[in-house]
Amino acid sequence: MSISRIAILLFAVVAGLYWIPHMLVTAPFERANYAADVTGKMDQIKGALNEMLEQTDGACLRGEPYLIPKDAEVTGQFTGADEKYLPKTCDRCDDLATAGLLDKTVTENGDGGSSHFSTKFRLTKLGRSAYSENVRSSRDSNLKVIEWKFCFGKTQLHHIDEALPSIMVSGNTYVGVRYTSEVVNPTPFLFDPRSKPLRLKVPSKGPPALNESRVTSIVFYPDGKAEVEDGFRYGKFVNQ
């Protein structure tokens, strides 16, 4: 028997030792695992992705939440523009003014031979069309928290491109996914060069207005809760 035939025979034996158990045992298990943890939980996977996209919407600029007295009037028209409340951490106000969403006024005030400057911000017409704020309670019963943002569309899941078979780590089940999101009802300003100071995530003009596909993982806890674990990768997504 020639060396080539021996090599072919050895290869066939080794392949058989791997593929026969794989086809009879491993493959059916993987299919059942995929059906249970991916196909069967697709609604939870989509829900977790949409929840994450709502919290990190790239079509919005979120400001640093700030505190105001619980009895203070909330106008819904950039309450924080009042100097009494404007947080010193409003590091994006100048960017918002550059983009035309806020009107910035600097006033010099003299007092006893010295002078100081005060800065006020007011919403422009463009700013009013994109601005919203939410009021929630604070740990301090004498205060309330203002959460504010400027939005130029709403980002949500468009489709899932690919999902990997699940793996188990420390009692939790992980499913790696590649997904594509879209911006629903994007405003023209999102594509306007004036928006560049805001560093928004600009999708394709569409329709649909799609963002580039991204990779992440969904973790399922033993209690059934699911959420996005963006820092975890495995399999073919490990370096993506």
C-alpha atoms as a PDB file:
ATOM      1  CA  MET A   1       0.000   0.000   0.000  1.00  0.00           C
ATOM      2  CA  SER A   2       1.430   3.362  -1.009  1.00  0.00           C
ATOM      3  CA  ILE A   3       2.165   6.120   1.516  1.00  0.00           C
ATOM      4  CA  SER A   4      -0.574   8.305   0.004  1.00  0.00           C
ATOM      5  CA  ARG A   5      -3.185   5.595   0.526  1.00  0.00           C
ATOM      6  CA  ILE A   6      -2.034   5.077   4.112  1.00  0.00           C
ATOM      7  CA  ALA A   7      -2.293   8.835   4.749  1.00  0.00           C
ATOM      8  CA  ILE A   8      -5.789   8.913   3.268  1.00  0.00           C
ATOM      9  CA  LEU A   9      -6.826   5.932   5.397  1.00  0.00           C
ATOM     10  CA  LEU A  10      -5.440   7.522   8.586  1.00  0.00           C
ATOM     11  CA  PHE A  11      -7.198  10.792   7.787  1.00  0.00           C
ATOM     12  CA  ALA A  12     -10.481   8.948   7.245  1.00  0.00           C
ATOM     13  CA  VAL A  13     -10.111   7.147  10.582  1.00  0.00           C
ATOM     14  CA  VAL A  14      -9.309  10.364  12.491  1.00  0.00           C
ATOM     15  CA  ALA A  15     -12.117  12.241  10.763  1.00  0.00           C
ATOM     16  CA  GLY A  16     -14.524   9.439  11.578  1.00  0.00           C
ATOM     17  CA  LEU A  17     -13.509   9.482  15.234  1.00  0.00           C
ATOM     18  CA  TYR A  18     -14.404  13.188  15.351  1.00  0.00           C
ATOM     19  CA  TRP A  19     -17.326  13.607  12.983  1.00  0.00           C
ATOM     20  CA  ILE A  20     -19.360  10.538  13.909  1.00  0.00           C
ATOM     21  CA  PRO A  21     -19.630  11.482  17.623  1.00  0.00           C
ATOM     22  CA  HIS A  22     -20.102  15.107  16.617  1.00  0.00           C
ATOM     23  CA  MET A  23     -22.979  14.339  14.272  1.00  0.00           C
ATOM     24  CA  LEU A  24     -24.624  11.834  16.618  1.00  0.00           C
ATOM     25  CA  VAL A  25     -24.142  13.586  19.968  1.00  0.00           C
ATOM     26  CA  THR A  26     -22.683  17.106  19.867  1.00  0.00           C
ATOM     27  CA  ALA A  27     -24.571  18.576  16.896  1.00  0.00           C
ATOM     28  CA  PRO A  28     -28.066  17.643  18.179  1.00  0.00           C
ATOM     29  CA  PHE A  29     -27.158  19.048  21.597  1.00  0.00           C
ATOM     30  CA  GLU A  30     -25.925  22.319  20.046  1.00  0.00           C
ATOM     31  CA  ARG A  31     -29.118  22.633  17.991  1.00  0.00           C
ATOM     32  CA  ALA A  32     -31.273  22.064  21.071  1.00  0.00           C
ATOM     33  CA  ASN A  33     -29.143  24.533  23.028  1.00  0.00           C
ATOM     34  CA  TYR A  34     -29.486  27.159  20.284  1.00  0.00           C
ATOM     35  CA  ALA A  35     -33.242  26.662  20.086  1.00  0.00           C
ATOM     36  CA  ALA A  36     -33.619  27.072  23.851  1.00  0.00           C
ATOM     37  CA  ASP A  37     -31.221  29.962  24.536  1.00  0.00           C
ATOM     38  CA  VAL A  38     -31.343  31.912  21.272  1.00  0.00           C
ATOM     39  CA  THR A  39     -34.432  31.221  19.192  1.00  0.00           C
ATOM     40  CA  GLY A  40     -36.639  30.681  22.241  1.00  0.00           C
ATOM     41  CA  LYS A  41     -35.414  33.868  23.937  1.00  0.00           C
ATOM     42  CA  MET A  42     -35.276  36.159  20.911  1.00  0.00           C
ATOM     43  CA  ASP A  43     -37.930  38.507  22.312  1.00  0.00           C
ATOM     44  CA  GLN A  44     -35.863  38.967  25.480  1.00  0.00           C
ATOM     45  CA  ILE A  45     -32.724  39.537  23.430  1.00  0.00           C
ATOM     46  CA  LYS A  46     -34.440  42.221  21.355  1.00  0.00           C
ATOM     47  CA  GLY A  47     -35.938  43.779  24.467  1.00  0.00           C
ATOM     48  CA  ALA A  48     -32.548  44.005  26.187  1.00  0.00           C
ATOM     49  CA  LEU A  49     -30.998  45.600  23.091  1.00  0.00           C
ATOM     50  CA  ASN A  50     -33.784  48.178  22.804  1.00  0.00           C
ATOM     51  CA  GLU A  51     -33.477  49.036  26.498  1.00  0.00           C
ATOM     52  CA  MET A  52     -29.745  49.597  26.080  1.00  0.00           C
ATOM     53  CA  LEU A  53     -30.269  51.680  22.923  1.00  0.00           C
ATOM     54  CA  GLU A  54     -32.777  53.877  24.737  1.00  0.00           C
ATOM     55  CA  GLN A  55     -30.292  54.556  27.537  1.00  0.00           C
ATOM     56  CA  THR A  56     -27.358  55.247  25.205  1.00  0.00           C
ATOM     57  CA  ASP A  57     -29.192  56.767  22.236  1.00  0.00           C
ATOM     58  CA  GLY A  58     -26.523  58.121  19.890  1.00  0.00           C
ATOM     59  CA  ALA A  59     -29.041  60.514  18.303  1.00  0.00           C
ATOM     60  CA  CYS A  60     -29.333  62.356  21.628  1.00  0.00           C
ATOM     61  CA  LEU A  61     -27.039  64.522  23.731  1.00  0.00           C
ATOM     62  CA  ARG A  62     -27.670  64.001  27.441  1.00  0.00           C
ATOM     63  CA  GLY A  63     -26.533  66.568  29.941  1.00  0.00           C
ATOM     64  CA  GLU A  64     -25.338  65.968  33.479  1.00  0.00           C
ATOM     65  CA  PRO A  65     -28.370  65.701  35.807  1.00  0.00           C
ATOM     66  CA  TYR A  66     -28.545  68.481  38.408  1.00  0.00           C
ATOM     67  CA  LEU A  67     -30.427  69.311  41.600  1.00  0.00           C
ATOM     68  CA  ILE A  68     -32.912  72.111  42.227  1.00  0.00           C
ATOM     69  CA  PRO A  69     -35.100  72.928  45.255  1.00  0.00           C
ATOM     70  CA  LYS A  70     -38.188  70.732  45.395  1.00  0.00           C
ATOM     71  CA  ASP A  71     -40.468  73.786  45.216  1.00  0.00           C
ATOM     72  CA  ALA A  72     -38.671  75.383  42.244  1.00  0.00           C
ATOM     73  CA  GLU A  73     -40.709  75.859  39.104  1.00  0.00           C
ATOM     74  CA  VAL A  74     -39.898  73.481  36.265  1.00  0.00           C
ATOM     75  CA  THR A  75     -40.679  75.136  32.963  1.00  0.00           C
ATOM     76  CA  GLY A  76     -39.556  72.418  30.578  1.00  0.00           C
ATOM     77  CA  GLN A  77     -37.622  75.151  28.782  1.00  0.00           C
ATOM     78  CA  PHE A  78     -34.106  74.391  30.010  1.00  0.00           C
ATOM     79  CA  THR A  79     -34.671  75.033  33.677  1.00  0.00           C
ATOM     80  CA  GLY A  80     -30.938  74.772  34.177  1.00  0.00           C
ATOM     81  CA  ALA A  81     -30.398  77.976  32.212  1.00  0.00           C
ATOM     82  CA  ASP A  82     -31.275  79.874  35.383  1.00  0.00           C
ATOM     83  CA  GLU A  83     -27.955  80.806  37.002  1.00  0.00           C
ATOM     84  CA  LYS A  84     -29.289  79.631  40.347  1.00  0.00           C
ATOM     85  CA  TYR A  85     -29.452  76.068  39.043  1.00  0.00           C
ATOM     86  CA  LEU A  86     -27.124  75.765  36.073  1.00  0.00           C
ATOM     87  CA  PRO A  87     -24.672  73.019  37.036  1.00  0.00           C
ATOM     88  CA  LYS A  88     -21.000  73.875  36.886  1.00  0.00           C
ATOM     89  CA  THR A  89     -20.586  70.479  35.213  1.00  0.00           C
ATOM     90  CA  CYS A  90     -22.482  71.626  32.107  1.00  0.00           C
ATOM     91  CA  ASP A  91     -19.433  71.047  29.958  1.00  0.00           C
ATOM     92  CA  ARG A  92     -21.559  70.655  26.812  1.00  0.00           C
ATOM     93  CA  CYS A  93     -23.383  73.992  27.003  1.00  0.00           C
ATOM     94  CA  ASP A  94     -20.743  75.734  24.898  1.00  0.00           C
ATOM     95  CA  ASP A  95     -21.002  72.941  22.307  1.00  0.00           C
ATOM     96  CA  LEU A  96     -24.772  73.336  22.295  1.00  0.00           C
ATOM     97  CA  ALA A  97     -24.378  77.077  21.792  1.00  0.00           C
ATOM     98  CA  THR A  98     -21.907  76.521  18.933  1.00  0.00           C
ATOM     99  CA  ALA A  99     -24.429  74.173  17.302  1.00  0.00           C
ATOM    100  CA  GLY A 100     -27.147  76.805  17.565  1.00  0.00           C
ATOM    101  CA  LEU A 101     -29.309  75.076  20.178  1.00  0.00           C
ATOM    102  CA  LEU A 102     -28.547  77.494  23.000  1.00  0.00           C
ATOM    103  CA  ASP A 103     -28.056  81.233  22.989  1.00  0.00           C
ATOM    104  CA  LYS A 104     -25.121  82.218  25.204  1.00  0.00           C
ATOM    105  CA  THR A 105     -24.925  85.612  26.871  1.00  0.00           C
ATOM    106  CA  VAL A 106     -21.911  86.746  28.931  1.00  0.00           C
ATOM    107  CA  THR A 107     -22.389  89.809  31.127  1.00  0.00           C
ATOM    108  CA  GLU A 108     -19.681  91.727  32.958  1.00  0.00           C
ATOM    109  CA  ASN A 109     -20.672  92.987  36.382  1.00  0.00           C
ATOM    110  CA  GLY A 110     -18.654  95.515  38.393  1.00  0.00           C
ATOM    111  CA  ASP A 111     -18.630  95.494  42.187  1.00  0.00           C
ATOM    112  CA  GLY A 112     -16.364  97.587  44.425  1.00  0.00           C
ATOM    113  CA  GLY A 113     -13.692  98.132  41.842  1.00  0.00           C
ATOM    114  CA  SER A 114     -13.636  94.511  40.735  1.00  0.00           C
ATOM    115  CA  SER A 115     -15.613  92.822  38.016  1.00  0.00           C
ATOM    116  CA  HIS A 116     -16.888  89.353  37.355  1.00  0.00           C
ATOM    117  CA  PHE A 117     -18.629  87.692  34.461  1.00  0.00           C
ATOM    118  CA  SER A 118     -21.928  85.837  34.487  1.00  0.00           C
ATOM    119  CA  THR A 119     -23.043  83.469  31.755  1.00  0.00           C
ATOM    120  CA  LYS A 120     -26.619  82.677  30.778  1.00  0.00           C
ATOM    121  CA  PHE A 121     -27.935  80.146  28.304  1.00  0.00           C
ATOM    122  CA  ARG A 122     -31.339  80.199  26.680  1.00  0.00           C
ATOM    123  CA  LEU A 123     -32.941  77.786  24.253  1.00  0.00           C
ATOM    124  CA  THR A 124     -33.090  78.916  20.644  1.00  0.00           C
ATOM    125  CA  LYS A 125     -36.003  78.001  18.387  1.00  0.00           C
ATOM    126  CA  LEU A 126     -33.988  75.025  17.110  1.00  0.00           C
ATOM    127  CA  GLY A 127     -33.105  74.035  20.656  1.00  0.00           C
ATOM    128  CA  ARG A 128     -36.742  74.105  21.805  1.00  0.00           C
ATOM    129  CA  SER A 129     -37.665  71.652  19.042  1.00  0.00           C
ATOM    130  CA  ALA A 130     -35.189  69.052  20.342  1.00  0.00           C
ATOM    131  CA  TYR A 131     -35.115  69.649  24.097  1.00  0.00           C
ATOM    132  CA  SER A 132     -36.828  67.676  26.858  1.00  0.00           C
ATOM    133  CA  GLU A 133     -36.333  67.284  30.576  1.00  0.00           C
ATOM    134  CA  ASN A 134     -37.514  64.812  33.161  1.00  0.00           C
ATOM    135  CA  VAL A 135     -38.006  65.459  36.865  1.00  0.00           C
ATOM    136  CA  ARG A 136     -37.443  62.756  39.467  1.00  0.00           C
ATOM    137  CA  SER A 137     -37.145  62.665  43.223  1.00  0.00           C
ATOM    138  CA  SER A 138     -33.820  62.988  45.024  1.00  0.00           C
ATOM    139  CA  ARG A 139     -32.451  61.233  48.086  1.00  0.00           C
ATOM    140  CA  ASP A 140     -32.625  64.657  49.710  1.00  0.00           C
ATOM    141  CA  SER A 141     -36.321  65.347  50.283  1.00  0.00           C
ATOM    142  CA  ASN A 142     -35.692  69.090  49.872  1.00  0.00           C
ATOM    143  CA  LEU A 143     -34.393  68.663  46.331  1.00  0.00           C
ATOM    144  CA  LYS A 144     -35.398  67.161  43.006  1.00  0.00           C
ATOM    145  CA  VAL A 145     -33.333  65.984  40.066  1.00  0.00           C
ATOM    146  CA  ILE A 146     -33.577  67.342  36.530  1.00  0.00           C
ATOM    147  CA  GLU A 147     -32.513  65.005  33.719  1.00  0.00           C
ATOM    148  CA  TRP A 148     -32.250  66.753  30.359  1.00  0.00           C
ATOM    149  CA  LYS A 149     -31.404  65.944  26.777  1.00  0.00           C
ATOM    150  CA  PHE A 150     -31.537  67.110  23.171  1.00  0.00           C
ATOM    151  CA  CYS A 151     -32.734  64.424  20.737  1.00  0.00           C
ATOM    152  CA  PHE A 152     -32.779  64.342  16.934  1.00  0.00           C
ATOM    153  CA  GLY A 153     -34.517  61.011  16.426  1.00  0.00           C
ATOM    154  CA  LYS A 154     -34.968  57.779  18.351  1.00  0.00           C
ATOM    155  CA  THR A 155     -32.564  54.859  18.043  1.00  0.00           C
ATOM    156  CA  GLN A 156     -34.025  51.356  18.176  1.00  0.00           C
ATOM    157  CA  LEU A 157     -33.168  47.859  17.014  1.00  0.00           C
ATOM    158  CA  HIS A 158     -33.687  47.258  13.303  1.00  0.00           C
ATOM    159  CA  HIS A 159     -32.575  43.625  13.064  1.00  0.00           C
ATOM    160  CA  ILE A 160     -30.200  41.016  14.458  1.00  0.00           C
ATOM    161  CA  ASP A 161     -27.614  39.986  11.882  1.00  0.00           C
ATOM    162  CA  GLU A 162     -26.229  36.955  13.707  1.00  0.00           C
ATOM    163  CA  ALA A 163     -26.421  35.205  17.077  1.00  0.00           C
ATOM    164  CA  LEU A 164     -23.848  32.744  18.411  1.00  0.00           C
ATOM    165  CA  PRO A 165     -24.670  29.534  20.292  1.00  0.00           C
ATOM    166  CA  SER A 166     -24.890  30.314  23.996  1.00  0.00           C
ATOM    167  CA  ILE A 167     -22.191  29.603  26.582  1.00  0.00           C
ATOM    168  CA  MET A 168     -22.385  29.272  30.357  1.00  0.00           C
ATOM    169  CA  VAL A 169     -20.047  31.345  32.571  1.00  0.00           C
ATOM    170  CA  SER A 170     -20.284  31.416  36.380  1.00  0.00           C
ATOM    171  CA  GLY A 171     -23.884  30.284  36.309  1.00  0.00           C
ATOM    172  CA  ASN A 172     -24.981  32.898  33.755  1.00  0.00           C
ATOM    173  CA  THR A 173     -25.867  32.226  30.121  1.00  0.00           C
ATOM    174  CA  TYR A 174     -24.348  34.478  27.452  1.00  0.00           C
ATOM    175  CA  VAL A 175     -25.479  34.950  23.857  1.00  0.00           C
ATOM    176  CA  GLY A 176     -23.222  36.894  21.493  1.00  0.00           C
ATOM    177  CA  VAL A 177     -25.052  38.932  18.861  1.00  0.00           C
ATOM    178  CA  ARG A 178     -24.310  41.199  15.941  1.00  0.00           C
ATOM    179  CA  TYR A 179     -27.102  43.724  15.467  1.00  0.00           C
ATOM    180  CA  THR A 180     -28.029  46.764  13.400  1.00  0.00           C
ATOM    181  CA  SER A 181     -29.933  49.717  14.841  1.00  0.00           C
ATOM    182  CA  GLU A 182     -31.853  52.475  13.093  1.00  0.00           C
ATOM    183  CA  VAL A 183     -32.772  56.044  13.907  1.00  0.00           C
ATOM    184  CA  VAL A 184     -36.530  56.481  13.623  1.00  0.00           C
ATOM    185  CA  ASN A 185     -37.793  59.862  12.425  1.00  0.00           C
ATOM    186  CA  PRO A 186     -34.340  61.504  12.236  1.00  0.00           C
ATOM    187  CA  THR A 187     -34.436  65.288  12.063  1.00  0.00           C
ATOM    188  CA  PRO A 188     -32.547  67.097   9.271  1.00  0.00           C
ATOM    189  CA  PHE A 189     -30.271  68.627  11.922  1.00  0.00           C
ATOM    190  CA  LEU A 190     -28.784  65.182  12.641  1.00  0.00           C
ATOM    191  CA  PHE A 191     -27.183  65.243   9.174  1.00  0.00           C
ATOM    192  CA  ASP A 192     -26.369  68.971   9.271  1.00  0.00           C
ATOM    193  CA  PRO A 193     -22.678  69.940   9.637  1.00  0.00           C
ATOM    194  CA  ARG A 194     -23.760  72.241  12.486  1.00  0.00           C
ATOM    195  CA  SER A 195     -24.353  69.146  14.633  1.00  0.00           C
ATOM    196  CA  LYS A 196     -20.661  68.132  14.620  1.00  0.00           C
ATOM    197  CA  PRO A 197     -19.819  69.817  17.970  1.00  0.00           C
ATOM    198  CA  LEU A 198     -22.369  67.514  19.620  1.00  0.00           C
ATOM    199  CA  ARG A 199     -20.514  64.345  18.495  1.00  0.00           C
ATOM    200  CA  LEU A 200     -23.731  62.489  17.728  1.00  0.00           C
ATOM    201  CA  LYS A 201     -23.840  59.069  16.079  1.00  0.00           C
ATOM    202  CA  VAL A 202     -24.939  59.871  12.526  1.00  0.00           C
ATOM    203  CA  PRO A 203     -26.638  57.022  10.625  1.00  0.00           C
ATOM    204  CA  SER A 204     -27.034  56.586   6.884  1.00  0.00           C
ATOM    205  CA  LYS A 205     -29.633  58.937   5.429  1.00  0.00           C
ATOM    206  CA  GLY A 206     -31.846  56.009   4.426  1.00  0.00           C
ATOM    207  CA  PRO A 207     -34.622  55.326   4.726  1.00  0.00           C
ATOM    208  CA  PRO A 208     -34.176  53.408   6.889  1.00  0.00           C
ATOM    209  CA  ALA A 209     -31.513  55.472   8.662  1.00  0.00           C
ATOM    210  CA  LEU A 210     -29.255  52.595   9.723  1.00  0.00           C
ATOM    211  CA  ASN A 211     -26.216  52.661  11.994  1.00  0.00           C
ATOM    212  CA  GLU A 212     -23.245  50.387  11.372  1.00  0.00           C
ATOM    213  CA  SER A 213     -23.709  46.897  12.798  1.00  0.00           C
ATOM    214  CA  ARG A 214     -22.216  46.263  16.241  1.00  0.00           C
ATOM    215  CA  VAL A 215     -21.297  43.239  18.344  1.00  0.00           C
ATOM    216  CA  THR A 216     -22.295  42.741  21.962  1.00  0.00           C
ATOM    217  CA  SER A 217     -23.470  40.031  24.360  1.00  0.00           C
ATOM    218  CA  ILE A 218     -26.722  39.401  26.193  1.00  0.00           C
ATOM    219  CA  VAL A 219     -26.435  37.863  29.651  1.00  0.00           C
ATOM    220  CA  PHE A 220     -29.264  35.805  31.151  1.00  0.00           C
ATOM    221  CA  TYR A 221     -29.171  35.537  34.933  1.00  0.00           C
ATOM    222  CA  PRO A 222     -30.530  32.531  36.846  1.00  0.00           C
ATOM    223  CA  ASP A 223     -33.641  34.542  37.804  1.00  0.00           C
ATOM    224  CA  GLY A 224     -34.470  34.956  34.087  1.00  0.00           C
ATOM    225  CA  LYS A 225     -33.512  38.627  33.815  1.00  0.00           C
ATOM    226  CA  ALA A 226     -31.643  39.612  30.638  1.00  0.00           C
ATOM    227  CA  GLU A 227     -29.455  42.628  29.920  1.00  0.00           C
ATOM    228  CA  VAL A 228     -26.657  43.748  27.617  1.00  0.00           C
ATOM    229  CA  GLU A 229     -23.099  42.985  28.760  1.00  0.00           C
ATOM    230  CA  ASP A 230     -21.135  45.040  26.256  1.00  0.00           C
ATOM    231  CA  GLY A 231     -17.698  44.208  27.663  1.00  0.00           C
ATOM    232  CA  PHE A 232     -18.010  40.445  27.150  1.00  0.00           C
ATOM    233  CA  ARG A 233     -17.032  38.697  23.903  1.00  0.00           C
ATOM    234  CA  TYR A 234     -16.500  35.081  22.938  1.00  0.00           C
ATOM    235  CA  GLY A 235     -16.137  32.842  19.910  1.00  0.00           C
ATOM    236  CA  LYS A 236     -15.825  34.586  16.556  1.00  0.00           C
ATOM    237  CA  PHE A 237     -16.769  37.922  18.182  1.00  0.00           C
ATOM    238  CA  VAL A 238     -13.907  37.895  20.678  1.00  0.00           C
ATOM    239  CA  ASN A 239     -11.875  40.616  18.928  1.00  0.00           C
ATOM    240  CA  GLN A 240     -14.800  42.658  17.615  1.00  0.00           C
END
